């Protein structure tokens, strides 16, 4: 990857992230996967079973990757920008939840 495509800040990265999630079904799948992750975390705490946390990334990435490979037909940004992509998932989730971004 050339230096022009490297993002030095999340603020610079986020518009690219959104462009990689332009298909509404992809965004909805990310949203559902994020809810699933939150549900798994709550269940792990409520049940006192930390092993359940192993399901969180399976749920989150499972829904997201279906969105990318089936609907967006692109490669998830997670492969090149793991931290920024994780941050982007939660910012996008919050923006959809609050109505700032259309799913």
PDB file of N, CA and C in Angstrom:
ATOM      1  N   UNK A   1       0.851  -1.175   0.000  1.00  0.00           N
ATOM      2  CA  UNK A   1       0.000   0.000   0.000  1.00  0.00           C
ATOM      3  C   UNK A   1       0.896   1.237   0.000  1.00  0.00           C
ATOM      4  N   UNK A   2       0.613   2.198  -0.863  1.00  0.00           N
ATOM      5  CA  UNK A   2       1.457   3.385  -0.924  1.00  0.00           C
ATOM      6  C   UNK A   2       1.102   4.359   0.200  1.00  0.00           C
ATOM      7  N   UNK A   3       1.992   5.281   0.451  1.00  0.00           N
ATOM      8  CA  UNK A   3       1.818   6.224   1.562  1.00  0.00           C
ATOM      9  C   UNK A   3       0.582   7.094   1.421  1.00  0.00           C
ATOM     10  N   UNK A   4       0.135   7.339   0.189  1.00  0.00           N
ATOM     11  CA  UNK A   4      -1.036   8.192  -0.012  1.00  0.00           C
ATOM     12  C   UNK A   4      -2.309   7.551   0.548  1.00  0.00           C
ATOM     13  N   UNK A   5      -2.349   6.229   0.639  1.00  0.00           N
ATOM     14  CA  UNK A   5      -3.545   5.538   1.136  1.00  0.00           C
ATOM     15  C   UNK A   5      -3.454   5.218   2.630  1.00  0.00           C
ATOM     16  N   UNK A   6      -2.413   5.607   3.282  1.00  0.00           N
ATOM     17  CA  UNK A   6      -2.310   5.361   4.715  1.00  0.00           C
ATOM     18  C   UNK A   6      -2.980   6.505   5.453  1.00  0.00           C
ATOM     19  N   UNK A   7      -3.733   6.157   6.447  1.00  0.00           N
ATOM     20  CA  UNK A   7      -4.464   7.156   7.213  1.00  0.00           C
ATOM     21  C   UNK A   7      -3.763   7.378   8.540  1.00  0.00           C
ATOM     22  N   UNK A   8      -3.431   8.616   8.790  1.00  0.00           N
ATOM     23  CA  UNK A   8      -2.706   8.939  10.016  1.00  0.00           C
ATOM     24  C   UNK A   8      -3.639   9.179  11.193  1.00  0.00           C
ATOM     25  N   UNK A   9      -4.884   9.541  10.902  1.00  0.00           N
ATOM     26  CA  UNK A   9      -5.850   9.781  11.976  1.00  0.00           C
ATOM     27  C   UNK A   9      -7.164   9.078  11.646  1.00  0.00           C
ATOM     28  N   UNK A  10      -7.918   8.796  12.692  1.00  0.00           N
ATOM     29  CA  UNK A  10      -9.227   8.193  12.485  1.00  0.00           C
ATOM     30  C   UNK A  10     -10.139   9.150  11.732  1.00  0.00           C
ATOM     31  N   UNK A  11     -10.006  10.416  12.000  1.00  0.00           N
ATOM     32  CA  UNK A  11     -10.822  11.423  11.305  1.00  0.00           C
ATOM     33  C   UNK A  11     -10.611  11.355   9.792  1.00  0.00           C
ATOM     34  N   UNK A  12      -9.391  11.117   9.376  1.00  0.00           N
ATOM     35  CA  UNK A  12      -9.102  10.965   7.944  1.00  0.00           C
ATOM     36  C   UNK A  12      -9.620   9.633   7.405  1.00  0.00           C
ATOM     37  N   UNK A  13      -9.586   8.611   8.240  1.00  0.00           N
ATOM     38  CA  UNK A  13      -9.986   7.268   7.840  1.00  0.00           C
ATOM     39  C   UNK A  13     -11.498   7.109   7.711  1.00  0.00           C
ATOM     40  N   UNK A  14     -12.262   7.744   8.584  1.00  0.00           N
ATOM     41  CA  UNK A  14     -13.698   7.472   8.676  1.00  0.00           C
ATOM     42  C   UNK A  14     -14.474   7.704   7.373  1.00  0.00           C
ATOM     43  N   UNK A  15     -14.219   8.759   6.601  1.00  0.00           N
ATOM     44  CA  UNK A  15     -14.924   8.881   5.309  1.00  0.00           C
ATOM     45  C   UNK A  15     -14.642   7.695   4.377  1.00  0.00           C
ATOM     46  N   UNK A  16     -13.400   7.219   4.373  1.00  0.00           N
ATOM     47  CA  UNK A  16     -13.073   6.019   3.591  1.00  0.00           C
ATOM     48  C   UNK A  16     -13.870   4.830   4.122  1.00  0.00           C
ATOM     49  N   UNK A  17     -13.925   4.687   5.432  1.00  0.00           N
ATOM     50  CA  UNK A  17     -14.669   3.592   6.057  1.00  0.00           C
ATOM     51  C   UNK A  17     -16.129   3.605   5.613  1.00  0.00           C
ATOM     52  N   UNK A  18     -16.749   4.771   5.671  1.00  0.00           N
ATOM     53  CA  UNK A  18     -18.150   4.878   5.247  1.00  0.00           C
ATOM     54  C   UNK A  18     -18.322   4.540   3.766  1.00  0.00           C
ATOM     55  N   UNK A  19     -17.363   4.919   2.957  1.00  0.00           N
ATOM     56  CA  UNK A  19     -17.458   4.619   1.524  1.00  0.00           C
ATOM     57  C   UNK A  19     -17.387   3.114   1.268  1.00  0.00           C
ATOM     58  N   UNK A  20     -16.740   2.389   2.153  1.00  0.00           N
ATOM     59  CA  UNK A  20     -16.656   0.938   2.040  1.00  0.00           C
ATOM     60  C   UNK A  20     -17.908   0.253   2.587  1.00  0.00           C
ATOM     61  N   UNK A  21     -18.830   1.053   3.126  1.00  0.00           N
ATOM     62  CA  UNK A  21     -20.083   0.548   3.703  1.00  0.00           C
ATOM     63  C   UNK A  21     -21.264   1.306   3.102  1.00  0.00           C
ATOM     64  N   UNK A  22     -21.272   1.462   1.800  1.00  0.00           N
ATOM     65  CA  UNK A  22     -22.311   2.267   1.161  1.00  0.00           C
ATOM     66  C   UNK A  22     -23.604   1.484   0.924  1.00  0.00           C
ATOM     67  N   UNK A  23     -23.515   0.165   0.829  1.00  0.00           N
ATOM     68  CA  UNK A  23     -24.715  -0.645   0.591  1.00  0.00           C
ATOM     69  C   UNK A  23     -25.526  -0.721   1.889  1.00  0.00           C
ATOM     70  N   UNK A  24     -26.824  -0.402   1.835  1.00  0.00           N
ATOM     71  CA  UNK A  24     -27.630  -0.386   3.063  1.00  0.00           C
ATOM     72  C   UNK A  24     -27.686  -1.735   3.781  1.00  0.00           C
ATOM     73  N   UNK A  25     -27.671  -2.833   3.041  1.00  0.00           N
ATOM     74  CA  UNK A  25     -27.705  -4.144   3.699  1.00  0.00           C
ATOM     75  C   UNK A  25     -26.402  -4.389   4.460  1.00  0.00           C
ATOM     76  N   UNK A  26     -25.302  -3.966   3.906  1.00  0.00           N
ATOM     77  CA  UNK A  26     -24.017  -4.104   4.598  1.00  0.00           C
ATOM     78  C   UNK A  26     -24.045  -3.323   5.909  1.00  0.00           C
ATOM     79  N   UNK A  27     -24.521  -2.085   5.858  1.00  0.00           N
ATOM     80  CA  UNK A  27     -24.610  -1.287   7.095  1.00  0.00           C
ATOM     81  C   UNK A  27     -25.537  -1.936   8.109  1.00  0.00           C
ATOM     82  N   UNK A  28     -26.651  -2.462   7.640  1.00  0.00           N
ATOM     83  CA  UNK A  28     -27.599  -3.112   8.555  1.00  0.00           C
ATOM     84  C   UNK A  28     -26.990  -4.358   9.176  1.00  0.00           C
ATOM     85  N   UNK A  29     -26.253  -5.117   8.394  1.00  0.00           N
ATOM     86  CA  UNK A  29     -25.607  -6.305   8.946  1.00  0.00           C
ATOM     87  C   UNK A  29     -24.565  -5.929   9.991  1.00  0.00           C
ATOM     88  N   UNK A  30     -23.825  -4.866   9.755  1.00  0.00           N
ATOM     89  CA  UNK A  30     -22.877  -4.381  10.768  1.00  0.00           C
ATOM     90  C   UNK A  30     -23.630  -3.993  12.044  1.00  0.00           C
ATOM     91  N   UNK A  31     -24.737  -3.310  11.873  1.00  0.00           N
ATOM     92  CA  UNK A  31     -25.540  -2.853  13.013  1.00  0.00           C
ATOM     93  C   UNK A  31     -26.048  -4.048  13.823  1.00  0.00           C
ATOM     94  N   UNK A  32     -26.580  -5.061  13.143  1.00  0.00           N
ATOM     95  CA  UNK A  32     -27.078  -6.263  13.822  1.00  0.00           C
ATOM     96  C   UNK A  32     -25.920  -6.986  14.521  1.00  0.00           C
ATOM     97  N   UNK A  33     -24.801  -7.101  13.858  1.00  0.00           N
ATOM     98  CA  UNK A  33     -23.641  -7.754  14.461  1.00  0.00           C
ATOM     99  C   UNK A  33     -23.158  -7.030  15.703  1.00  0.00           C
ATOM    100  N   UNK A  34     -23.188  -5.706  15.675  1.00  0.00           N
ATOM    101  CA  UNK A  34     -22.777  -4.928  16.854  1.00  0.00           C
ATOM    102  C   UNK A  34     -23.741  -5.133  18.009  1.00  0.00           C
ATOM    103  N   UNK A  35     -25.043  -5.164  17.723  1.00  0.00           N
ATOM    104  CA  UNK A  35     -26.027  -5.474  18.777  1.00  0.00           C
ATOM    105  C   UNK A  35     -25.743  -6.857  19.344  1.00  0.00           C
ATOM    106  N   UNK A  36     -25.427  -7.802  18.463  1.00  0.00           N
ATOM    107  CA  UNK A  36     -25.111  -9.154  18.914  1.00  0.00           C
ATOM    108  C   UNK A  36     -23.912  -9.179  19.845  1.00  0.00           C
ATOM    109  N   UNK A  37     -22.889  -8.417  19.501  1.00  0.00           N
ATOM    110  CA  UNK A  37     -21.702  -8.326  20.355  1.00  0.00           C
ATOM    111  C   UNK A  37     -22.086  -7.776  21.725  1.00  0.00           C
ATOM    112  N   UNK A  38     -22.871  -6.719  21.739  1.00  0.00           N
ATOM    113  CA  UNK A  38     -23.302  -6.152  23.022  1.00  0.00           C
ATOM    114  C   UNK A  38     -24.109  -7.164  23.834  1.00  0.00           C
ATOM    115  N   UNK A  39     -24.992  -7.898  23.156  1.00  0.00           N
ATOM    116  CA  UNK A  39     -25.782  -8.918  23.837  1.00  0.00           C
ATOM    117  C   UNK A  39     -24.916 -10.017  24.424  1.00  0.00           C
ATOM    118  N   UNK A  40     -23.908 -10.427  23.694  1.00  0.00           N
ATOM    119  CA  UNK A  40     -22.996 -11.469  24.182  1.00  0.00           C
ATOM    120  C   UNK A  40     -22.223 -10.978  25.396  1.00  0.00           C
ATOM    121  N   UNK A  41     -21.763  -9.744  25.362  1.00  0.00           N
ATOM    122  CA  UNK A  41     -21.033  -9.189  26.510  1.00  0.00           C
ATOM    123  C   UNK A  41     -21.943  -9.137  27.736  1.00  0.00           C
ATOM    124  N   UNK A  42     -23.171  -8.671  27.559  1.00  0.00           N
ATOM    125  CA  UNK A  42     -24.123  -8.614  28.675  1.00  0.00           C
ATOM    126  C   UNK A  42     -24.400 -10.025  29.202  1.00  0.00           C
ATOM    127  N   UNK A  43     -24.597 -10.977  28.305  1.00  0.00           N
ATOM    128  CA  UNK A  43     -24.859 -12.359  28.724  1.00  0.00           C
ATOM    129  C   UNK A  43     -23.668 -12.937  29.480  1.00  0.00           C
ATOM    130  N   UNK A  44     -22.462 -12.677  29.006  1.00  0.00           N
ATOM    131  CA  UNK A  44     -21.264 -13.188  29.677  1.00  0.00           C
ATOM    132  C   UNK A  44     -21.166 -12.643  31.102  1.00  0.00           C
ATOM    133  N   UNK A  45     -21.487 -11.357  31.253  1.00  0.00           N
ATOM    134  CA  UNK A  45     -21.448 -10.744  32.586  1.00  0.00           C
ATOM    135  C   UNK A  45     -22.569 -11.292  33.453  1.00  0.00           C
ATOM    136  N   UNK A  46     -23.780 -11.318  32.919  1.00  0.00           N
ATOM    137  CA  UNK A  46     -24.950 -11.769  33.692  1.00  0.00           C
ATOM    138  C   UNK A  46     -24.824 -13.230  34.118  1.00  0.00           C
ATOM    139  N   UNK A  47     -24.274 -14.045  33.243  1.00  0.00           N
ATOM    140  CA  UNK A  47     -24.145 -15.466  33.543  1.00  0.00           C
ATOM    141  C   UNK A  47     -22.823 -15.817  34.226  1.00  0.00           C
ATOM    142  N   UNK A  48     -21.947 -14.824  34.330  1.00  0.00           N
ATOM    143  CA  UNK A  48     -20.636 -15.076  34.923  1.00  0.00           C
ATOM    144  C   UNK A  48     -19.813 -16.070  34.123  1.00  0.00           C
ATOM    145  N   UNK A  49     -19.977 -16.026  32.812  1.00  0.00           N
ATOM    146  CA  UNK A  49     -19.295 -16.980  31.945  1.00  0.00           C
ATOM    147  C   UNK A  49     -18.432 -16.236  30.924  1.00  0.00           C
ATOM    148  N   UNK A  50     -17.159 -15.995  31.246  1.00  0.00           N
ATOM    149  CA  UNK A  50     -16.300 -15.253  30.320  1.00  0.00           C
ATOM    150  C   UNK A  50     -16.036 -15.992  29.007  1.00  0.00           C
ATOM    151  N   UNK A  51     -16.262 -17.309  28.969  1.00  0.00           N
ATOM    152  CA  UNK A  51     -16.067 -18.057  27.733  1.00  0.00           C
ATOM    153  C   UNK A  51     -17.013 -17.587  26.634  1.00  0.00           C
ATOM    154  N   UNK A  52     -18.148 -17.046  27.013  1.00  0.00           N
ATOM    155  CA  UNK A  52     -19.083 -16.529  26.012  1.00  0.00           C
ATOM    156  C   UNK A  52     -18.463 -15.406  25.182  1.00  0.00           C
ATOM    157  N   UNK A  53     -17.500 -14.702  25.769  1.00  0.00           N
ATOM    158  CA  UNK A  53     -16.866 -13.586  25.062  1.00  0.00           C
ATOM    159  C   UNK A  53     -16.162 -14.038  23.787  1.00  0.00           C
ATOM    160  N   UNK A  54     -15.833 -15.332  23.713  1.00  0.00           N
ATOM    161  CA  UNK A  54     -15.215 -15.847  22.483  1.00  0.00           C
ATOM    162  C   UNK A  54     -16.171 -15.765  21.296  1.00  0.00           C
ATOM    163  N   UNK A  55     -17.460 -15.710  21.583  1.00  0.00           N
ATOM    164  CA  UNK A  55     -18.452 -15.602  20.508  1.00  0.00           C
ATOM    165  C   UNK A  55     -18.590 -14.178  19.966  1.00  0.00           C
ATOM    166  N   UNK A  56     -18.152 -13.193  20.736  1.00  0.00           N
ATOM    167  CA  UNK A  56     -18.337 -11.791  20.324  1.00  0.00           C
ATOM    168  C   UNK A  56     -17.706 -11.491  18.965  1.00  0.00           C
ATOM    169  N   UNK A  57     -16.422 -11.800  18.766  1.00  0.00           N
ATOM    170  CA  UNK A  57     -15.863 -11.495  17.439  1.00  0.00           C
ATOM    171  C   UNK A  57     -16.477 -12.338  16.319  1.00  0.00           C
ATOM    172  N   UNK A  58     -16.877 -13.557  16.630  1.00  0.00           N
ATOM    173  CA  UNK A  58     -17.517 -14.403  15.617  1.00  0.00           C
ATOM    174  C   UNK A  58     -18.815 -13.744  15.161  1.00  0.00           C
ATOM    175  N   UNK A  59     -19.591 -13.264  16.109  1.00  0.00           N
ATOM    176  CA  UNK A  59     -20.853 -12.590  15.789  1.00  0.00           C
ATOM    177  C   UNK A  59     -20.598 -11.295  15.024  1.00  0.00           C
ATOM    178  N   UNK A  60     -19.768 -10.435  15.580  1.00  0.00           N
ATOM    179  CA  UNK A  60     -19.516  -9.134  14.961  1.00  0.00           C
ATOM    180  C   UNK A  60     -18.933  -9.247  13.564  1.00  0.00           C
ATOM    181  N   UNK A  61     -17.860 -10.005  13.453  1.00  0.00           N
ATOM    182  CA  UNK A  61     -17.218 -10.136  12.144  1.00  0.00           C
ATOM    183  C   UNK A  61     -18.040 -10.994  11.192  1.00  0.00           C
ATOM    184  N   UNK A  62     -18.748 -11.968  11.707  1.00  0.00           N
ATOM    185  CA  UNK A  62     -19.578 -12.810  10.845  1.00  0.00           C
ATOM    186  C   UNK A  62     -20.601 -12.002  10.073  1.00  0.00           C
ATOM    187  N   UNK A  63     -21.360 -11.189  10.786  1.00  0.00           N
ATOM    188  CA  UNK A  63     -22.354 -10.345  10.114  1.00  0.00           C
ATOM    189  C   UNK A  63     -21.675  -9.344   9.180  1.00  0.00           C
ATOM    190  N   UNK A  64     -20.606  -8.723   9.652  1.00  0.00           N
ATOM    191  CA  UNK A  64     -19.926  -7.701   8.850  1.00  0.00           C
ATOM    192  C   UNK A  64     -19.361  -8.283   7.563  1.00  0.00           C
ATOM    193  N   UNK A  65     -18.732  -9.433   7.663  1.00  0.00           N
ATOM    194  CA  UNK A  65     -18.091 -10.004   6.483  1.00  0.00           C
ATOM    195  C   UNK A  65     -19.107 -10.501   5.466  1.00  0.00           C
ATOM    196  N   UNK A  66     -20.244 -10.969   5.910  1.00  0.00           N
ATOM    197  CA  UNK A  66     -21.303 -11.303   4.948  1.00  0.00           C
ATOM    198  C   UNK A  66     -21.690 -10.035   4.183  1.00  0.00           C
ATOM    199  N   UNK A  67     -21.818  -8.926   4.904  1.00  0.00           N
ATOM    200  CA  UNK A  67     -22.145  -7.656   4.255  1.00  0.00           C
ATOM    201  C   UNK A  67     -21.128  -7.258   3.210  1.00  0.00           C
ATOM    202  N   UNK A  68     -19.854  -7.454   3.528  1.00  0.00           N
ATOM    203  CA  UNK A  68     -18.812  -7.065   2.581  1.00  0.00           C
ATOM    204  C   UNK A  68     -18.714  -8.011   1.388  1.00  0.00           C
ATOM    205  N   UNK A  69     -18.637  -9.294   1.664  1.00  0.00           N
ATOM    206  CA  UNK A  69     -18.399 -10.243   0.582  1.00  0.00           C
ATOM    207  C   UNK A  69     -19.630 -10.456  -0.298  1.00  0.00           C
ATOM    208  N   UNK A  70     -20.832 -10.387   0.284  1.00  0.00           N
ATOM    209  CA  UNK A  70     -22.045 -10.668  -0.483  1.00  0.00           C
ATOM    210  C   UNK A  70     -22.660  -9.402  -1.080  1.00  0.00           C
ATOM    211  N   UNK A  71     -22.702  -8.330  -0.318  1.00  0.00           N
ATOM    212  CA  UNK A  71     -23.412  -7.126  -0.770  1.00  0.00           C
ATOM    213  C   UNK A  71     -22.484  -6.025  -1.291  1.00  0.00           C
ATOM    214  N   UNK A  72     -21.454  -5.683  -0.546  1.00  0.00           N
ATOM    215  CA  UNK A  72     -20.525  -4.640  -1.013  1.00  0.00           C
ATOM    216  C   UNK A  72     -19.596  -5.162  -2.097  1.00  0.00           C
ATOM    217  N   UNK A  73     -19.298  -6.447  -2.019  1.00  0.00           N
ATOM    218  CA  UNK A  73     -18.335  -7.079  -2.932  1.00  0.00           C
ATOM    219  C   UNK A  73     -16.966  -6.406  -2.824  1.00  0.00           C
ATOM    220  N   UNK A  74     -16.575  -6.159  -1.586  1.00  0.00           N
ATOM    221  CA  UNK A  74     -15.255  -5.598  -1.336  1.00  0.00           C
ATOM    222  C   UNK A  74     -14.592  -6.341  -0.182  1.00  0.00           C
ATOM    223  N   UNK A  75     -13.374  -5.996   0.073  1.00  0.00           N
ATOM    224  CA  UNK A  75     -12.592  -6.619   1.133  1.00  0.00           C
ATOM    225  C   UNK A  75     -12.720  -5.747   2.377  1.00  0.00           C
ATOM    226  N   UNK A  76     -13.073  -6.333   3.524  1.00  0.00           N
ATOM    227  CA  UNK A  76     -13.231  -5.519   4.733  1.00  0.00           C
ATOM    228  C   UNK A  76     -11.968  -4.715   5.055  1.00  0.00           C
ATOM    229  N   UNK A  77     -12.168  -3.483   5.450  1.00  0.00           N
ATOM    230  CA  UNK A  77     -11.051  -2.610   5.810  1.00  0.00           C
ATOM    231  C   UNK A  77     -10.291  -3.138   7.022  1.00  0.00           C
ATOM    232  N   UNK A  78     -10.901  -4.044   7.762  1.00  0.00           N
ATOM    233  CA  UNK A  78     -10.265  -4.652   8.939  1.00  0.00           C
ATOM    234  C   UNK A  78      -8.921  -5.274   8.584  1.00  0.00           C
ATOM    235  N   UNK A  79      -8.801  -5.797   7.373  1.00  0.00           N
ATOM    236  CA  UNK A  79      -7.571  -6.468   6.985  1.00  0.00           C
ATOM    237  C   UNK A  79      -6.392  -5.505   6.864  1.00  0.00           C
ATOM    238  N   UNK A  80      -6.669  -4.244   6.553  1.00  0.00           N
ATOM    239  CA  UNK A  80      -5.589  -3.263   6.419  1.00  0.00           C
ATOM    240  C   UNK A  80      -5.532  -2.298   7.592  1.00  0.00           C
ATOM    241  N   UNK A  81      -6.673  -2.026   8.204  1.00  0.00           N
ATOM    242  CA  UNK A  81      -6.757  -1.036   9.279  1.00  0.00           C
ATOM    243  C   UNK A  81      -7.549  -1.613  10.454  1.00  0.00           C
ATOM    244  N   UNK A  82      -7.002  -2.595  11.164  1.00  0.00           N
ATOM    245  CA  UNK A  82      -7.803  -3.277  12.189  1.00  0.00           C
ATOM    246  C   UNK A  82      -8.319  -2.358  13.300  1.00  0.00           C
ATOM    247  N   UNK A  83      -7.488  -1.501  13.835  1.00  0.00           N
ATOM    248  CA  UNK A  83      -7.939  -0.635  14.933  1.00  0.00           C
ATOM    249  C   UNK A  83      -8.922   0.424  14.439  1.00  0.00           C
ATOM    250  N   UNK A  84      -8.583   1.102  13.368  1.00  0.00           N
ATOM    251  CA  UNK A  84      -9.487   2.121  12.827  1.00  0.00           C
ATOM    252  C   UNK A  84     -10.818   1.508  12.387  1.00  0.00           C
ATOM    253  N   UNK A  85     -10.781   0.294  11.855  1.00  0.00           N
ATOM    254  CA  UNK A  85     -12.019  -0.355  11.436  1.00  0.00           C
ATOM    255  C   UNK A  85     -12.899  -0.693  12.629  1.00  0.00           C
ATOM    256  N   UNK A  86     -12.288  -1.181  13.701  1.00  0.00           N
ATOM    257  CA  UNK A  86     -13.047  -1.461  14.913  1.00  0.00           C
ATOM    258  C   UNK A  86     -13.681  -0.176  15.448  1.00  0.00           C
ATOM    259  N   UNK A  87     -12.905   0.885  15.466  1.00  0.00           N
ATOM    260  CA  UNK A  87     -13.446   2.181  15.898  1.00  0.00           C
ATOM    261  C   UNK A  87     -14.574   2.620  14.965  1.00  0.00           C
ATOM    262  N   UNK A  88     -14.357   2.449  13.666  1.00  0.00           N
ATOM    263  CA  UNK A  88     -15.369   2.827  12.681  1.00  0.00           C
ATOM    264  C   UNK A  88     -16.666   2.066  12.864  1.00  0.00           C
ATOM    265  N   UNK A  89     -16.564   0.776  13.189  1.00  0.00           N
ATOM    266  CA  UNK A  89     -17.770  -0.027  13.435  1.00  0.00           C
ATOM    267  C   UNK A  89     -18.619   0.605  14.533  1.00  0.00           C
ATOM    268  N   UNK A  90     -17.965   0.988  15.621  1.00  0.00           N
ATOM    269  CA  UNK A  90     -18.729   1.512  16.759  1.00  0.00           C
ATOM    270  C   UNK A  90     -19.210   2.936  16.532  1.00  0.00           C
ATOM    271  N   UNK A  91     -18.448   3.739  15.804  1.00  0.00           N
ATOM    272  CA  UNK A  91     -18.920   5.085  15.462  1.00  0.00           C
ATOM    273  C   UNK A  91     -20.119   4.975  14.514  1.00  0.00           C
ATOM    274  N   UNK A  92     -20.022   4.087  13.512  1.00  0.00           N
ATOM    275  CA  UNK A  92     -21.134   3.901  12.591  1.00  0.00           C
ATOM    276  C   UNK A  92     -22.357   3.360  13.331  1.00  0.00           C
ATOM    277  N   UNK A  93     -22.167   2.418  14.244  1.00  0.00           N
ATOM    278  CA  UNK A  93     -23.262   1.876  15.049  1.00  0.00           C
ATOM    279  C   UNK A  93     -23.964   3.007  15.809  1.00  0.00           C
ATOM    280  N   UNK A  94     -23.184   3.841  16.481  1.00  0.00           N
ATOM    281  CA  UNK A  94     -23.748   4.954  17.246  1.00  0.00           C
ATOM    282  C   UNK A  94     -24.476   5.936  16.337  1.00  0.00           C
ATOM    283  N   UNK A  95     -23.899   6.243  15.189  1.00  0.00           N
ATOM    284  CA  UNK A  95     -24.536   7.190  14.269  1.00  0.00           C
ATOM    285  C   UNK A  95     -25.841   6.622  13.696  1.00  0.00           C
ATOM    286  N   UNK A  96     -25.896   5.329  13.440  1.00  0.00           N
ATOM    287  CA  UNK A  96     -27.145   4.714  12.984  1.00  0.00           C
ATOM    288  C   UNK A  96     -28.158   4.729  14.122  1.00  0.00           C
ATOM    289  N   UNK A  97     -27.715   4.370  15.317  1.00  0.00           N
ATOM    290  CA  UNK A  97     -28.588   4.322  16.484  1.00  0.00           C
ATOM    291  C   UNK A  97     -29.210   5.685  16.776  1.00  0.00           C
ATOM    292  N   UNK A  98     -28.453   6.740  16.610  1.00  0.00           N
ATOM    293  CA  UNK A  98     -28.926   8.088  16.917  1.00  0.00           C
ATOM    294  C   UNK A  98     -29.577   8.783  15.726  1.00  0.00           C
ATOM    295  N   UNK A  99     -29.612   8.116  14.580  1.00  0.00           N
ATOM    296  CA  UNK A  99     -30.231   8.713  13.399  1.00  0.00           C
ATOM    297  C   UNK A  99     -29.364   9.660  12.623  1.00  0.00           C
ATOM    298  N   UNK A 100     -28.103   9.780  12.966  1.00  0.00           N
ATOM    299  CA  UNK A 100     -27.188  10.658  12.231  1.00  0.00           C
ATOM    300  C   UNK A 100     -26.747  10.052  10.915  1.00  0.00           C
ATOM    301  N   UNK A 101     -26.884   8.719  10.823  1.00  0.00           N
ATOM    302  CA  UNK A 101     -26.478   8.007   9.618  1.00  0.00           C
ATOM    303  C   UNK A 101     -27.589   7.037   9.256  1.00  0.00           C
ATOM    304  N   UNK A 102     -27.895   6.984   7.999  1.00  0.00           N
ATOM    305  CA  UNK A 102     -28.963   6.099   7.519  1.00  0.00           C
ATOM    306  C   UNK A 102     -28.438   4.686   7.313  1.00  0.00           C
ATOM    307  N   UNK A 103     -29.173   3.725   7.793  1.00  0.00           N
ATOM    308  CA  UNK A 103     -28.757   2.325   7.615  1.00  0.00           C
ATOM    309  C   UNK A 103     -29.374   1.751   6.363  1.00  0.00           C
TER     310      UNK A 103
END
